[in-house]
Amino acid sequence: MRLSVIMPVYDEVATVRTILNRVRAIPIEKEIIVVDDGSTDGTRDVLREEANEESTRVLFHAQNQGKGAAVRTGIAEAVGDIILIQDADLEYDPRDYAALLAPIEEGRAKVVYGSRFLGGPRKAMLFWHAVGNKLLTLITNVLYDSILSDMETCYKVFSADVIKGLPLHAKRFELEPELTAKVLKRGHRIYEVPISYTGREFDEGKKISWRDGFRAIWTLIKYRFVD
């Protein structure tokens, strides 16, 4: 099975080259689809150079639209049998790909999430950030009758036929609850595996905020009743 790695990027000049090299180093047949979402910090110049590297395609949004919009662009372009979402910072480790892909390759699941709360090695998270993650996951479990431990994880992996069949509309970070809601409503039970996590601080470029938590709650409620 061929893997498509979708990497949304916005103002990550300090990390994007490093994470691309780490993804390329994983010995799996893959394409890397980078979608720059209107960066203004020099990231686009780096990506123009990286576009010449093997297995890497770079697409550019003319202006910033949000992570959800960038991922949707990548999904439309992906040709792999399995699609994996990879952030452009260094919080998530591509060395976890093998564990993430195994349930799909072995026919045990069509959707796999990498959980930061199942015992893998991790850098201590900010307390309120962790509380927010657990609250959003709890709301997901109540609304959709699931037992997820980490709905907000970046590492979401799908059989291509599953994710390409979802009518996605999210433009920003509400992508995570929209994906989860629509997968669960279609009867796919999500398989979770433990992953490592090295969270960064806001002064290191972390972009999600408490406002995105309210958007996530609204998204979960909305898609419980509409599609």
N, C-alpha and C. Protein backbone atom coordinates (compact mmCIF):
# COMPACT_ATOMS: atom_id res chain seq x y z
N MET A 1 0.83 -1.19 0.00
CA MET A 1 0.00 0.00 0.00
C MET A 1 0.87 1.25 0.00
N ARG A 2 0.52 2.20 -0.86
CA ARG A 2 1.28 3.44 -0.93
C ARG A 2 0.69 4.47 0.02
N LEU A 3 1.56 5.22 0.69
CA LEU A 3 1.16 6.21 1.67
C LEU A 3 1.23 7.61 1.07
N SER A 4 0.19 8.40 1.33
CA SER A 4 0.21 9.83 1.04
C SER A 4 0.28 10.58 2.37
N VAL A 5 1.34 11.37 2.55
CA VAL A 5 1.49 12.20 3.74
C VAL A 5 1.09 13.62 3.37
N ILE A 6 0.06 14.12 4.04
CA ILE A 6 -0.41 15.49 3.78
C ILE A 6 0.11 16.38 4.90
N MET A 7 0.85 17.43 4.50
CA MET A 7 1.48 18.32 5.48
C MET A 7 1.01 19.75 5.26
N PRO A 8 0.05 20.23 6.07
CA PRO A 8 -0.32 21.64 6.00
C PRO A 8 0.74 22.49 6.69
N VAL A 9 1.08 23.62 6.08
CA VAL A 9 2.18 24.45 6.60
C VAL A 9 1.74 25.91 6.63
N TYR A 10 2.01 26.56 7.76
CA TYR A 10 1.81 28.01 7.84
C TYR A 10 2.86 28.60 8.77
N ASP A 11 3.76 29.37 8.22
CA ASP A 11 4.81 30.06 8.98
C ASP A 11 5.59 29.10 9.87
N GLU A 12 6.25 28.12 9.25
CA GLU A 12 7.05 27.13 9.99
C GLU A 12 8.47 27.08 9.43
N VAL A 13 9.05 28.25 9.15
CA VAL A 13 10.37 28.28 8.53
C VAL A 13 11.42 27.60 9.39
N ALA A 14 11.26 27.61 10.70
CA ALA A 14 12.27 27.05 11.59
C ALA A 14 12.26 25.52 11.62
N THR A 15 11.16 24.90 11.21
CA THR A 15 11.04 23.44 11.39
C THR A 15 10.71 22.67 10.12
N VAL A 16 10.23 23.34 9.08
CA VAL A 16 9.66 22.58 7.96
C VAL A 16 10.69 21.73 7.24
N ARG A 17 11.91 22.22 7.09
CA ARG A 17 12.92 21.41 6.40
C ARG A 17 13.28 20.17 7.24
N THR A 18 13.37 20.35 8.55
CA THR A 18 13.70 19.23 9.43
C THR A 18 12.63 18.15 9.38
N ILE A 19 11.35 18.56 9.48
CA ILE A 19 10.29 17.55 9.49
C ILE A 19 10.19 16.86 8.14
N LEU A 20 10.43 17.56 7.05
CA LEU A 20 10.41 16.91 5.74
C LEU A 20 11.51 15.85 5.65
N ASN A 21 12.68 16.17 6.15
CA ASN A 21 13.77 15.19 6.13
C ASN A 21 13.44 13.98 6.99
N ARG A 22 12.77 14.20 8.12
CA ARG A 22 12.39 13.08 8.98
C ARG A 22 11.35 12.20 8.30
N VAL A 23 10.41 12.81 7.61
CA VAL A 23 9.39 12.01 6.90
C VAL A 23 10.04 11.22 5.77
N ARG A 24 10.91 11.86 5.02
CA ARG A 24 11.57 11.15 3.91
C ARG A 24 12.42 9.98 4.40
N ALA A 25 12.94 10.09 5.61
CA ALA A 25 13.82 9.04 6.14
C ALA A 25 13.09 7.77 6.49
N ILE A 26 11.76 7.81 6.59
CA ILE A 26 10.99 6.62 6.95
C ILE A 26 10.94 5.69 5.73
N PRO A 27 11.38 4.44 5.86
CA PRO A 27 11.50 3.53 4.71
C PRO A 27 10.15 2.93 4.30
N ILE A 28 9.25 3.78 3.83
CA ILE A 28 7.93 3.38 3.38
C ILE A 28 7.68 4.05 2.04
N GLU A 29 7.09 3.33 1.08
CA GLU A 29 6.76 3.96 -0.20
C GLU A 29 5.71 5.05 0.05
N LYS A 30 6.00 6.27 -0.41
CA LYS A 30 5.12 7.38 -0.06
C LYS A 30 5.27 8.54 -1.02
N GLU A 31 4.25 9.40 -1.00
CA GLU A 31 4.33 10.73 -1.57
C GLU A 31 4.09 11.71 -0.42
N ILE A 32 4.74 12.85 -0.50
CA ILE A 32 4.58 13.89 0.50
C ILE A 32 3.95 15.09 -0.20
N ILE A 33 2.76 15.48 0.24
CA ILE A 33 2.06 16.61 -0.35
C ILE A 33 2.06 17.74 0.68
N VAL A 34 2.85 18.76 0.41
CA VAL A 34 2.96 19.91 1.30
C VAL A 34 2.05 21.01 0.77
N VAL A 35 1.21 21.55 1.64
CA VAL A 35 0.32 22.64 1.24
C VAL A 35 0.66 23.86 2.09
N ASP A 36 1.32 24.84 1.47
CA ASP A 36 1.64 26.06 2.19
C ASP A 36 0.42 26.97 2.18
N ASP A 37 -0.02 27.36 3.37
CA ASP A 37 -1.27 28.10 3.52
C ASP A 37 -1.01 29.60 3.68
N GLY A 38 -0.28 30.17 2.72
CA GLY A 38 -0.06 31.61 2.73
C GLY A 38 1.00 32.09 3.70
N SER A 39 2.06 31.31 3.89
CA SER A 39 3.13 31.71 4.82
C SER A 39 3.78 33.02 4.40
N THR A 40 4.24 33.78 5.40
CA THR A 40 4.88 35.08 5.13
C THR A 40 6.24 35.21 5.82
N ASP A 41 6.75 34.10 6.41
CA ASP A 41 7.98 34.19 7.21
C ASP A 41 9.19 33.60 6.52
N GLY A 42 9.10 33.33 5.23
CA GLY A 42 10.20 32.69 4.51
C GLY A 42 9.99 31.21 4.26
N THR A 43 8.92 30.63 4.81
CA THR A 43 8.63 29.21 4.60
C THR A 43 8.47 28.88 3.13
N ARG A 44 7.84 29.76 2.37
CA ARG A 44 7.59 29.49 0.95
C ARG A 44 8.90 29.36 0.17
N ASP A 45 9.91 30.14 0.53
CA ASP A 45 11.21 30.05 -0.14
C ASP A 45 11.85 28.69 0.13
N VAL A 46 11.76 28.24 1.39
CA VAL A 46 12.29 26.92 1.73
C VAL A 46 11.56 25.83 0.95
N LEU A 47 10.25 25.94 0.86
CA LEU A 47 9.47 24.92 0.19
C LEU A 47 9.72 24.88 -1.32
N ARG A 48 10.02 26.00 -1.92
CA ARG A 48 10.36 25.98 -3.34
C ARG A 48 11.62 25.15 -3.58
N GLU A 49 12.54 25.19 -2.64
CA GLU A 49 13.74 24.34 -2.74
C GLU A 49 13.39 22.88 -2.47
N GLU A 50 12.55 22.64 -1.45
CA GLU A 50 12.20 21.27 -1.08
C GLU A 50 11.36 20.58 -2.16
N ALA A 51 10.68 21.35 -3.00
CA ALA A 51 9.85 20.76 -4.05
C ALA A 51 10.68 19.99 -5.07
N ASN A 52 11.98 20.23 -5.09
CA ASN A 52 12.86 19.51 -6.01
C ASN A 52 13.30 18.16 -5.47
N GLU A 53 12.97 17.88 -4.20
CA GLU A 53 13.38 16.62 -3.59
C GLU A 53 12.44 15.49 -4.01
N GLU A 54 12.97 14.28 -3.96
CA GLU A 54 12.21 13.10 -4.39
C GLU A 54 10.94 12.92 -3.56
N SER A 55 9.88 12.55 -4.23
CA SER A 55 8.59 12.18 -3.63
C SER A 55 7.85 13.35 -2.99
N THR A 56 8.29 14.59 -3.25
CA THR A 56 7.70 15.74 -2.59
C THR A 56 7.00 16.66 -3.59
N ARG A 57 5.73 16.95 -3.32
CA ARG A 57 4.99 17.95 -4.10
C ARG A 57 4.61 19.10 -3.18
N VAL A 58 4.73 20.31 -3.67
CA VAL A 58 4.40 21.48 -2.87
C VAL A 58 3.32 22.28 -3.59
N LEU A 59 2.25 22.58 -2.86
CA LEU A 59 1.16 23.40 -3.37
C LEU A 59 1.08 24.67 -2.53
N PHE A 60 0.69 25.77 -3.15
CA PHE A 60 0.66 27.05 -2.46
C PHE A 60 -0.73 27.66 -2.49
N HIS A 61 -1.26 28.01 -1.32
CA HIS A 61 -2.45 28.84 -1.23
C HIS A 61 -2.01 30.30 -1.37
N ALA A 62 -2.76 31.08 -2.13
CA ALA A 62 -2.41 32.48 -2.34
C ALA A 62 -2.50 33.27 -1.05
N GLN A 63 -3.41 32.88 -0.16
CA GLN A 63 -3.55 33.56 1.13
C GLN A 63 -3.92 32.54 2.20
N ASN A 64 -3.71 32.93 3.45
CA ASN A 64 -3.99 32.04 4.56
C ASN A 64 -5.47 31.74 4.67
N GLN A 65 -5.81 30.45 4.70
CA GLN A 65 -7.20 30.02 4.83
C GLN A 65 -7.43 29.17 6.08
N GLY A 66 -6.39 28.54 6.60
CA GLY A 66 -6.52 27.70 7.78
C GLY A 66 -6.09 26.27 7.53
N LYS A 67 -5.79 25.56 8.62
CA LYS A 67 -5.30 24.18 8.50
C LYS A 67 -6.30 23.29 7.77
N GLY A 68 -7.57 23.43 8.10
CA GLY A 68 -8.57 22.58 7.46
C GLY A 68 -8.58 22.74 5.96
N ALA A 69 -8.50 23.98 5.49
CA ALA A 69 -8.48 24.23 4.06
C ALA A 69 -7.24 23.61 3.40
N ALA A 70 -6.09 23.70 4.07
CA ALA A 70 -4.86 23.14 3.53
C ALA A 70 -4.94 21.62 3.44
N VAL A 71 -5.48 20.98 4.48
CA VAL A 71 -5.62 19.53 4.46
C VAL A 71 -6.59 19.09 3.36
N ARG A 72 -7.68 19.82 3.18
CA ARG A 72 -8.63 19.47 2.13
C ARG A 72 -7.99 19.56 0.76
N THR A 73 -7.14 20.57 0.54
CA THR A 73 -6.40 20.66 -0.73
C THR A 73 -5.51 19.44 -0.91
N GLY A 74 -4.83 19.02 0.16
CA GLY A 74 -3.96 17.85 0.07
C GLY A 74 -4.71 16.57 -0.20
N ILE A 75 -5.87 16.40 0.44
CA ILE A 75 -6.67 15.19 0.23
C ILE A 75 -7.08 15.08 -1.25
N ALA A 76 -7.49 16.20 -1.82
CA ALA A 76 -7.92 16.19 -3.22
C ALA A 76 -6.79 15.77 -4.16
N GLU A 77 -5.54 16.05 -3.78
CA GLU A 77 -4.40 15.74 -4.64
C GLU A 77 -3.78 14.37 -4.38
N ALA A 78 -4.10 13.77 -3.25
CA ALA A 78 -3.44 12.52 -2.84
C ALA A 78 -3.85 11.35 -3.73
N VAL A 79 -2.89 10.48 -4.03
CA VAL A 79 -3.16 9.30 -4.86
C VAL A 79 -2.82 8.00 -4.12
N GLY A 80 -2.40 8.08 -2.86
CA GLY A 80 -2.02 6.89 -2.11
C GLY A 80 -3.23 6.09 -1.64
N ASP A 81 -2.96 4.85 -1.23
CA ASP A 81 -4.01 3.98 -0.68
C ASP A 81 -4.34 4.36 0.76
N ILE A 82 -3.37 4.94 1.46
CA ILE A 82 -3.54 5.38 2.85
C ILE A 82 -3.14 6.84 2.93
N ILE A 83 -3.91 7.63 3.68
CA ILE A 83 -3.63 9.06 3.81
C ILE A 83 -3.39 9.38 5.28
N LEU A 84 -2.27 10.05 5.55
CA LEU A 84 -1.85 10.40 6.91
C LEU A 84 -1.62 11.90 6.98
N ILE A 85 -2.08 12.53 8.07
CA ILE A 85 -1.89 13.96 8.27
C ILE A 85 -0.70 14.19 9.20
N GLN A 86 0.22 15.05 8.74
CA GLN A 86 1.46 15.34 9.48
C GLN A 86 1.63 16.84 9.64
N ASP A 87 1.69 17.34 10.87
CA ASP A 87 1.96 18.76 11.08
C ASP A 87 3.39 19.08 10.70
N ALA A 88 3.64 20.38 10.43
CA ALA A 88 4.96 20.81 9.95
C ALA A 88 5.89 21.25 11.08
N ASP A 89 5.43 21.13 12.33
CA ASP A 89 6.34 21.39 13.44
C ASP A 89 7.01 20.07 13.84
N LEU A 90 7.59 20.02 15.01
CA LEU A 90 8.32 18.82 15.43
C LEU A 90 7.64 18.13 16.61
N GLU A 91 6.34 18.38 16.81
CA GLU A 91 5.64 17.78 17.94
C GLU A 91 5.40 16.28 17.74
N TYR A 92 5.21 15.87 16.50
CA TYR A 92 4.88 14.48 16.19
C TYR A 92 6.03 13.83 15.43
N ASP A 93 6.32 12.58 15.76
CA ASP A 93 7.52 11.89 15.27
C ASP A 93 7.16 10.89 14.17
N PRO A 94 7.64 11.09 12.94
CA PRO A 94 7.35 10.15 11.87
C PRO A 94 7.82 8.71 12.13
N ARG A 95 8.68 8.51 13.10
CA ARG A 95 9.07 7.14 13.42
C ARG A 95 7.90 6.32 13.96
N ASP A 96 6.79 6.98 14.27
CA ASP A 96 5.58 6.28 14.70
C ASP A 96 4.73 5.78 13.52
N TYR A 97 5.15 6.08 12.30
CA TYR A 97 4.34 5.69 11.13
C TYR A 97 4.04 4.19 11.09
N ALA A 98 5.03 3.37 11.39
CA ALA A 98 4.83 1.92 11.28
C ALA A 98 3.68 1.45 12.16
N ALA A 99 3.64 1.95 13.40
CA ALA A 99 2.56 1.57 14.32
C ALA A 99 1.21 2.11 13.84
N LEU A 100 1.22 3.31 13.26
CA LEU A 100 -0.02 3.92 12.79
C LEU A 100 -0.58 3.19 11.57
N LEU A 101 0.28 2.72 10.71
CA LEU A 101 -0.17 2.09 9.47
C LEU A 101 -0.56 0.63 9.65
N ALA A 102 0.02 -0.04 10.65
CA ALA A 102 -0.17 -1.49 10.79
C ALA A 102 -1.64 -1.93 10.85
N PRO A 103 -2.51 -1.28 11.64
CA PRO A 103 -3.90 -1.76 11.70
C PRO A 103 -4.63 -1.70 10.36
N ILE A 104 -4.29 -0.72 9.53
CA ILE A 104 -4.91 -0.63 8.21
C ILE A 104 -4.31 -1.67 7.27
N GLU A 105 -3.00 -1.79 7.28
CA GLU A 105 -2.33 -2.76 6.40
C GLU A 105 -2.74 -4.19 6.72
N GLU A 106 -3.03 -4.45 7.98
CA GLU A 106 -3.42 -5.81 8.41
C GLU A 106 -4.93 -6.04 8.34
N GLY A 107 -5.68 -5.04 7.89
CA GLY A 107 -7.12 -5.20 7.71
C GLY A 107 -7.93 -5.13 8.99
N ARG A 108 -7.33 -4.58 10.06
CA ARG A 108 -8.04 -4.50 11.34
C ARG A 108 -8.87 -3.22 11.48
N ALA A 109 -8.58 -2.22 10.67
CA ALA A 109 -9.28 -0.94 10.78
C ALA A 109 -9.11 -0.17 9.49
N LYS A 110 -9.96 0.83 9.30
CA LYS A 110 -9.83 1.74 8.18
C LYS A 110 -9.45 3.15 8.62
N VAL A 111 -9.51 3.38 9.94
CA VAL A 111 -9.14 4.68 10.49
C VAL A 111 -8.32 4.45 11.76
N VAL A 112 -7.17 5.11 11.85
CA VAL A 112 -6.29 4.96 13.01
C VAL A 112 -5.90 6.35 13.51
N TYR A 113 -5.98 6.53 14.83
CA TYR A 113 -5.51 7.77 15.45
C TYR A 113 -4.31 7.45 16.35
N GLY A 114 -3.33 8.33 16.33
CA GLY A 114 -2.21 8.22 17.25
C GLY A 114 -2.53 9.00 18.52
N SER A 115 -2.60 8.32 19.64
CA SER A 115 -2.99 8.96 20.90
C SER A 115 -1.79 9.37 21.74
N ARG A 116 -1.85 10.60 22.23
CA ARG A 116 -0.81 11.12 23.13
C ARG A 116 -1.06 10.71 24.57
N PHE A 117 -2.17 10.01 24.83
CA PHE A 117 -2.56 9.71 26.20
C PHE A 117 -2.65 8.21 26.48
N LEU A 118 -1.98 7.39 25.69
CA LEU A 118 -2.01 5.95 25.90
C LEU A 118 -0.68 5.39 26.40
N GLY A 119 0.16 6.26 26.92
CA GLY A 119 1.38 5.77 27.56
C GLY A 119 2.66 5.90 26.78
N GLY A 120 2.60 6.50 25.58
CA GLY A 120 3.83 6.72 24.84
C GLY A 120 4.68 7.81 25.48
N PRO A 121 5.96 7.89 25.12
CA PRO A 121 6.82 8.93 25.69
C PRO A 121 6.36 10.31 25.25
N ARG A 122 6.35 11.26 26.15
CA ARG A 122 5.89 12.59 25.78
C ARG A 122 6.50 13.63 26.69
N LYS A 123 6.68 14.80 26.13
CA LYS A 123 7.05 15.97 26.92
C LYS A 123 5.81 16.45 27.66
N ALA A 124 5.97 16.89 28.91
CA ALA A 124 4.83 17.35 29.70
C ALA A 124 4.09 18.46 28.98
N MET A 125 2.76 18.32 28.88
CA MET A 125 1.94 19.31 28.22
C MET A 125 1.57 20.42 29.21
N LEU A 126 1.14 21.57 28.68
CA LEU A 126 0.55 22.60 29.52
C LEU A 126 -0.73 22.05 30.14
N PHE A 127 -0.95 22.32 31.42
CA PHE A 127 -2.08 21.73 32.14
C PHE A 127 -3.40 22.03 31.47
N TRP A 128 -3.68 23.31 31.19
CA TRP A 128 -4.98 23.67 30.65
C TRP A 128 -5.15 23.19 29.21
N HIS A 129 -4.03 23.05 28.51
CA HIS A 129 -4.10 22.49 27.16
C HIS A 129 -4.51 21.02 27.23
N ALA A 130 -3.95 20.29 28.19
CA ALA A 130 -4.32 18.88 28.37
C ALA A 130 -5.77 18.75 28.80
N VAL A 131 -6.22 19.63 29.72
CA VAL A 131 -7.62 19.61 30.16
C VAL A 131 -8.55 19.86 28.98
N GLY A 132 -8.20 20.83 28.15
CA GLY A 132 -9.02 21.13 26.98
C GLY A 132 -9.12 19.95 26.04
N ASN A 133 -8.00 19.27 25.80
CA ASN A 133 -8.01 18.08 24.95
C ASN A 133 -8.91 16.99 25.51
N LYS A 134 -8.80 16.76 26.81
CA LYS A 134 -9.60 15.69 27.42
C LYS A 134 -11.09 16.05 27.43
N LEU A 135 -11.40 17.34 27.63
CA LEU A 135 -12.80 17.76 27.60
C LEU A 135 -13.41 17.56 26.22
N LEU A 136 -12.69 17.97 25.18
CA LEU A 136 -13.19 17.80 23.82
C LEU A 136 -13.35 16.32 23.47
N THR A 137 -12.44 15.50 23.95
CA THR A 137 -12.54 14.06 23.70
C THR A 137 -13.74 13.48 24.44
N LEU A 138 -13.98 13.93 25.67
CA LEU A 138 -15.14 13.46 26.43
C LEU A 138 -16.44 13.83 25.72
N ILE A 139 -16.54 15.05 25.24
CA ILE A 139 -17.74 15.47 24.52
C ILE A 139 -17.92 14.61 23.27
N THR A 140 -16.84 14.32 22.58
CA THR A 140 -16.92 13.44 21.41
C THR A 140 -17.47 12.07 21.78
N ASN A 141 -16.95 11.51 22.85
CA ASN A 141 -17.37 10.17 23.26
C ASN A 141 -18.84 10.14 23.67
N VAL A 142 -19.31 11.18 24.35
CA VAL A 142 -20.71 11.23 24.76
C VAL A 142 -21.62 11.35 23.54
N LEU A 143 -21.25 12.23 22.62
CA LEU A 143 -22.12 12.50 21.47
C LEU A 143 -22.11 11.37 20.44
N TYR A 144 -20.99 10.66 20.33
CA TYR A 144 -20.85 9.69 19.24
C TYR A 144 -20.63 8.25 19.73
N ASP A 145 -20.85 8.03 21.02
CA ASP A 145 -20.79 6.67 21.58
C ASP A 145 -19.46 5.99 21.25
N SER A 146 -18.38 6.64 21.63
CA SER A 146 -17.05 6.10 21.38
C SER A 146 -16.24 6.13 22.68
N ILE A 147 -15.04 5.58 22.63
CA ILE A 147 -14.17 5.60 23.81
C ILE A 147 -12.77 6.08 23.42
N LEU A 148 -12.72 7.11 22.62
CA LEU A 148 -11.44 7.68 22.21
C LEU A 148 -10.70 8.27 23.41
N SER A 149 -9.39 8.31 23.31
CA SER A 149 -8.59 8.97 24.35
C SER A 149 -8.01 10.29 23.87
N ASP A 150 -8.01 10.55 22.54
CA ASP A 150 -7.35 11.75 22.01
C ASP A 150 -7.95 12.14 20.67
N MET A 151 -9.09 12.83 20.71
CA MET A 151 -9.74 13.24 19.47
C MET A 151 -8.93 14.30 18.72
N GLU A 152 -8.22 15.15 19.46
CA GLU A 152 -7.55 16.31 18.85
C GLU A 152 -6.17 15.99 18.29
N THR A 153 -5.75 14.75 18.32
CA THR A 153 -4.43 14.40 17.80
C THR A 153 -4.25 14.80 16.34
N CYS A 154 -3.05 15.21 15.99
CA CYS A 154 -2.73 15.46 14.58
C CYS A 154 -2.68 14.17 13.79
N TYR A 155 -2.12 13.11 14.40
CA TYR A 155 -1.89 11.87 13.66
C TYR A 155 -3.20 11.12 13.46
N LYS A 156 -3.82 11.42 12.33
CA LYS A 156 -5.03 10.73 11.89
C LYS A 156 -4.70 10.06 10.57
N VAL A 157 -5.02 8.77 10.46
CA VAL A 157 -4.65 7.97 9.29
C VAL A 157 -5.90 7.29 8.76
N PHE A 158 -6.07 7.32 7.44
CA PHE A 158 -7.30 6.81 6.83
C PHE A 158 -7.01 5.97 5.60
N SER A 159 -7.80 4.94 5.38
CA SER A 159 -7.87 4.37 4.04
C SER A 159 -8.38 5.46 3.12
N ALA A 160 -7.80 5.56 1.94
CA ALA A 160 -8.14 6.67 1.05
C ALA A 160 -9.62 6.71 0.72
N ASP A 161 -10.25 5.54 0.57
CA ASP A 161 -11.66 5.52 0.21
C ASP A 161 -12.53 6.11 1.31
N VAL A 162 -12.09 6.03 2.56
CA VAL A 162 -12.86 6.59 3.66
C VAL A 162 -12.79 8.11 3.66
N ILE A 163 -11.58 8.66 3.65
CA ILE A 163 -11.46 10.11 3.80
C ILE A 163 -11.88 10.85 2.54
N LYS A 164 -11.66 10.26 1.37
CA LYS A 164 -12.08 10.93 0.15
C LYS A 164 -13.60 10.92 -0.01
N GLY A 165 -14.28 10.07 0.75
CA GLY A 165 -15.73 10.03 0.70
C GLY A 165 -16.40 10.94 1.69
N LEU A 166 -15.62 11.69 2.50
CA LEU A 166 -16.19 12.58 3.51
C LEU A 166 -16.40 13.98 2.93
N PRO A 167 -17.58 14.56 3.10
CA PRO A 167 -17.81 15.95 2.66
C PRO A 167 -17.28 16.93 3.70
N LEU A 168 -16.04 17.34 3.56
CA LEU A 168 -15.39 18.18 4.57
C LEU A 168 -15.54 19.66 4.24
N HIS A 169 -15.74 20.48 5.28
CA HIS A 169 -15.95 21.91 5.09
C HIS A 169 -15.04 22.77 5.97
N ALA A 170 -14.38 22.19 6.94
CA ALA A 170 -13.59 22.96 7.91
C ALA A 170 -12.48 23.74 7.24
N LYS A 171 -12.27 24.96 7.73
CA LYS A 171 -11.18 25.78 7.24
C LYS A 171 -10.04 25.89 8.25
N ARG A 172 -10.38 25.82 9.54
CA ARG A 172 -9.36 26.01 10.57
C ARG A 172 -9.15 24.72 11.36
N PHE A 173 -8.92 24.87 12.67
CA PHE A 173 -8.65 23.71 13.51
C PHE A 173 -9.89 22.88 13.81
N GLU A 174 -11.07 23.35 13.42
CA GLU A 174 -12.27 22.53 13.59
C GLU A 174 -12.27 21.32 12.67
N LEU A 175 -11.22 21.20 11.86
CA LEU A 175 -11.05 20.00 11.03
C LEU A 175 -11.04 18.73 11.88
N GLU A 176 -10.35 18.77 13.03
CA GLU A 176 -10.21 17.56 13.84
C GLU A 176 -11.56 17.01 14.29
N PRO A 177 -12.44 17.84 14.90
CA PRO A 177 -13.75 17.29 15.27
C PRO A 177 -14.62 16.95 14.07
N GLU A 178 -14.50 17.70 12.97
CA GLU A 178 -15.32 17.35 11.79
C GLU A 178 -14.93 15.98 11.25
N LEU A 179 -13.65 15.72 11.10
CA LEU A 179 -13.21 14.41 10.64
C LEU A 179 -13.72 13.31 11.55
N THR A 180 -13.55 13.51 12.85
CA THR A 180 -13.93 12.48 13.82
C THR A 180 -15.43 12.24 13.80
N ALA A 181 -16.20 13.32 13.80
CA ALA A 181 -17.66 13.18 13.80
C ALA A 181 -18.15 12.42 12.58
N LYS A 182 -17.63 12.76 11.42
CA LYS A 182 -18.14 12.16 10.19
C LYS A 182 -17.66 10.71 10.02
N VAL A 183 -16.47 10.42 10.50
CA VAL A 183 -16.01 9.03 10.48
C VAL A 183 -16.88 8.16 11.39
N LEU A 184 -17.14 8.64 12.61
CA LEU A 184 -17.92 7.85 13.55
C LEU A 184 -19.37 7.71 13.10
N LYS A 185 -19.95 8.75 12.51
CA LYS A 185 -21.33 8.67 12.05
C LYS A 185 -21.50 7.67 10.91
N ARG A 186 -20.41 7.40 10.21
CA ARG A 186 -20.46 6.43 9.12
C ARG A 186 -20.14 5.01 9.58
N GLY A 187 -20.04 4.83 10.88
CA GLY A 187 -19.88 3.50 11.43
C GLY A 187 -18.47 2.97 11.50
N HIS A 188 -17.47 3.81 11.26
CA HIS A 188 -16.08 3.36 11.36
C HIS A 188 -15.61 3.50 12.80
N ARG A 189 -15.23 2.40 13.42
CA ARG A 189 -14.64 2.45 14.75
C ARG A 189 -13.16 2.81 14.62
N ILE A 190 -12.74 3.81 15.37
CA ILE A 190 -11.37 4.31 15.24
C ILE A 190 -10.42 3.49 16.11
N TYR A 191 -9.35 3.04 15.51
CA TYR A 191 -8.32 2.25 16.18
C TYR A 191 -7.26 3.24 16.69
N GLU A 192 -6.93 3.19 17.97
CA GLU A 192 -5.92 4.08 18.53
C GLU A 192 -4.63 3.33 18.85
N VAL A 193 -3.50 3.98 18.62
CA VAL A 193 -2.20 3.44 19.01
C VAL A 193 -1.44 4.53 19.76
N PRO A 194 -0.60 4.16 20.73
CA PRO A 194 0.19 5.16 21.45
C PRO A 194 1.27 5.75 20.57
N ILE A 195 1.49 7.05 20.69
CA ILE A 195 2.56 7.73 19.95
C ILE A 195 3.37 8.58 20.92
N SER A 196 4.53 9.01 20.47
CA SER A 196 5.33 9.95 21.24
C SER A 196 4.88 11.36 20.92
N TYR A 197 5.19 12.30 21.82
CA TYR A 197 4.72 13.67 21.62
C TYR A 197 5.68 14.64 22.30
N THR A 198 6.12 15.64 21.55
CA THR A 198 6.99 16.68 22.09
C THR A 198 6.31 18.02 21.86
N GLY A 199 5.41 18.38 22.75
CA GLY A 199 4.63 19.60 22.59
C GLY A 199 5.50 20.84 22.66
N ARG A 200 5.14 21.84 21.87
CA ARG A 200 5.88 23.09 21.93
C ARG A 200 5.05 24.15 22.64
N GLU A 201 5.72 25.22 23.03
CA GLU A 201 5.06 26.31 23.74
C GLU A 201 4.57 27.35 22.74
N PHE A 202 3.73 28.28 23.22
CA PHE A 202 3.21 29.32 22.34
C PHE A 202 4.33 30.22 21.83
N ASP A 203 5.38 30.46 22.65
CA ASP A 203 6.47 31.30 22.18
C ASP A 203 7.37 30.58 21.18
N GLU A 204 7.11 29.28 20.98
CA GLU A 204 7.83 28.51 19.96
C GLU A 204 7.01 28.38 18.67
N GLY A 205 5.84 28.98 18.65
CA GLY A 205 5.06 28.98 17.42
C GLY A 205 3.75 28.23 17.47
N LYS A 206 3.37 27.70 18.63
CA LYS A 206 2.10 26.98 18.72
C LYS A 206 0.96 27.92 18.38
N LYS A 207 0.02 27.47 17.54
CA LYS A 207 -0.98 28.39 17.00
C LYS A 207 -2.39 28.18 17.54
N ILE A 208 -2.74 26.99 17.95
CA ILE A 208 -4.10 26.74 18.42
C ILE A 208 -4.34 27.49 19.73
N SER A 209 -5.57 28.00 19.94
CA SER A 209 -5.87 28.77 21.14
C SER A 209 -7.19 28.30 21.74
N TRP A 210 -7.55 28.89 22.89
CA TRP A 210 -8.78 28.51 23.57
C TRP A 210 -10.00 28.80 22.70
N ARG A 211 -9.93 29.79 21.83
CA ARG A 211 -11.06 30.09 20.94
C ARG A 211 -11.37 28.92 20.03
N ASP A 212 -10.33 28.21 19.62
CA ASP A 212 -10.54 27.05 18.76
C ASP A 212 -11.27 25.93 19.50
N GLY A 213 -11.15 25.90 20.83
CA GLY A 213 -11.89 24.92 21.61
C GLY A 213 -13.39 25.11 21.50
N PHE A 214 -13.84 26.36 21.53
CA PHE A 214 -15.27 26.63 21.38
C PHE A 214 -15.76 26.26 19.98
N ARG A 215 -14.94 26.53 18.96
CA ARG A 215 -15.32 26.13 17.61
C ARG A 215 -15.41 24.60 17.50
N ALA A 216 -14.51 23.91 18.20
CA ALA A 216 -14.52 22.45 18.17
C ALA A 216 -15.79 21.90 18.80
N ILE A 217 -16.20 22.47 19.94
CA ILE A 217 -17.42 22.01 20.61
C ILE A 217 -18.63 22.22 19.70
N TRP A 218 -18.72 23.40 19.09
CA TRP A 218 -19.84 23.68 18.19
C TRP A 218 -19.84 22.71 17.01
N THR A 219 -18.66 22.42 16.48
CA THR A 219 -18.55 21.49 15.35
C THR A 219 -19.04 20.10 15.75
N LEU A 220 -18.65 19.63 16.91
CA LEU A 220 -19.09 18.31 17.38
C LEU A 220 -20.60 18.25 17.53
N ILE A 221 -21.18 19.29 18.10
CA ILE A 221 -22.63 19.31 18.28
C ILE A 221 -23.35 19.39 16.93
N LYS A 222 -22.87 20.27 16.07
CA LYS A 222 -23.52 20.46 14.77
C LYS A 222 -23.57 19.17 13.96
N TYR A 223 -22.41 18.48 13.86
CA TYR A 223 -22.38 17.29 13.00
C TYR A 223 -22.99 16.06 13.67
N ARG A 224 -23.33 16.18 14.94
CA ARG A 224 -24.10 15.09 15.56
C ARG A 224 -25.50 15.02 14.95
N PHE A 225 -26.00 16.17 14.49
CA PHE A 225 -27.38 16.24 14.03
C PHE A 225 -27.52 16.55 12.53
N VAL A 226 -26.46 17.06 11.90
CA VAL A 226 -26.51 17.32 10.45
C VAL A 226 -25.25 16.75 9.82
N ASP A 227 -25.26 16.64 8.49
CA ASP A 227 -24.08 16.14 7.80
C ASP A 227 -23.60 17.18 6.79
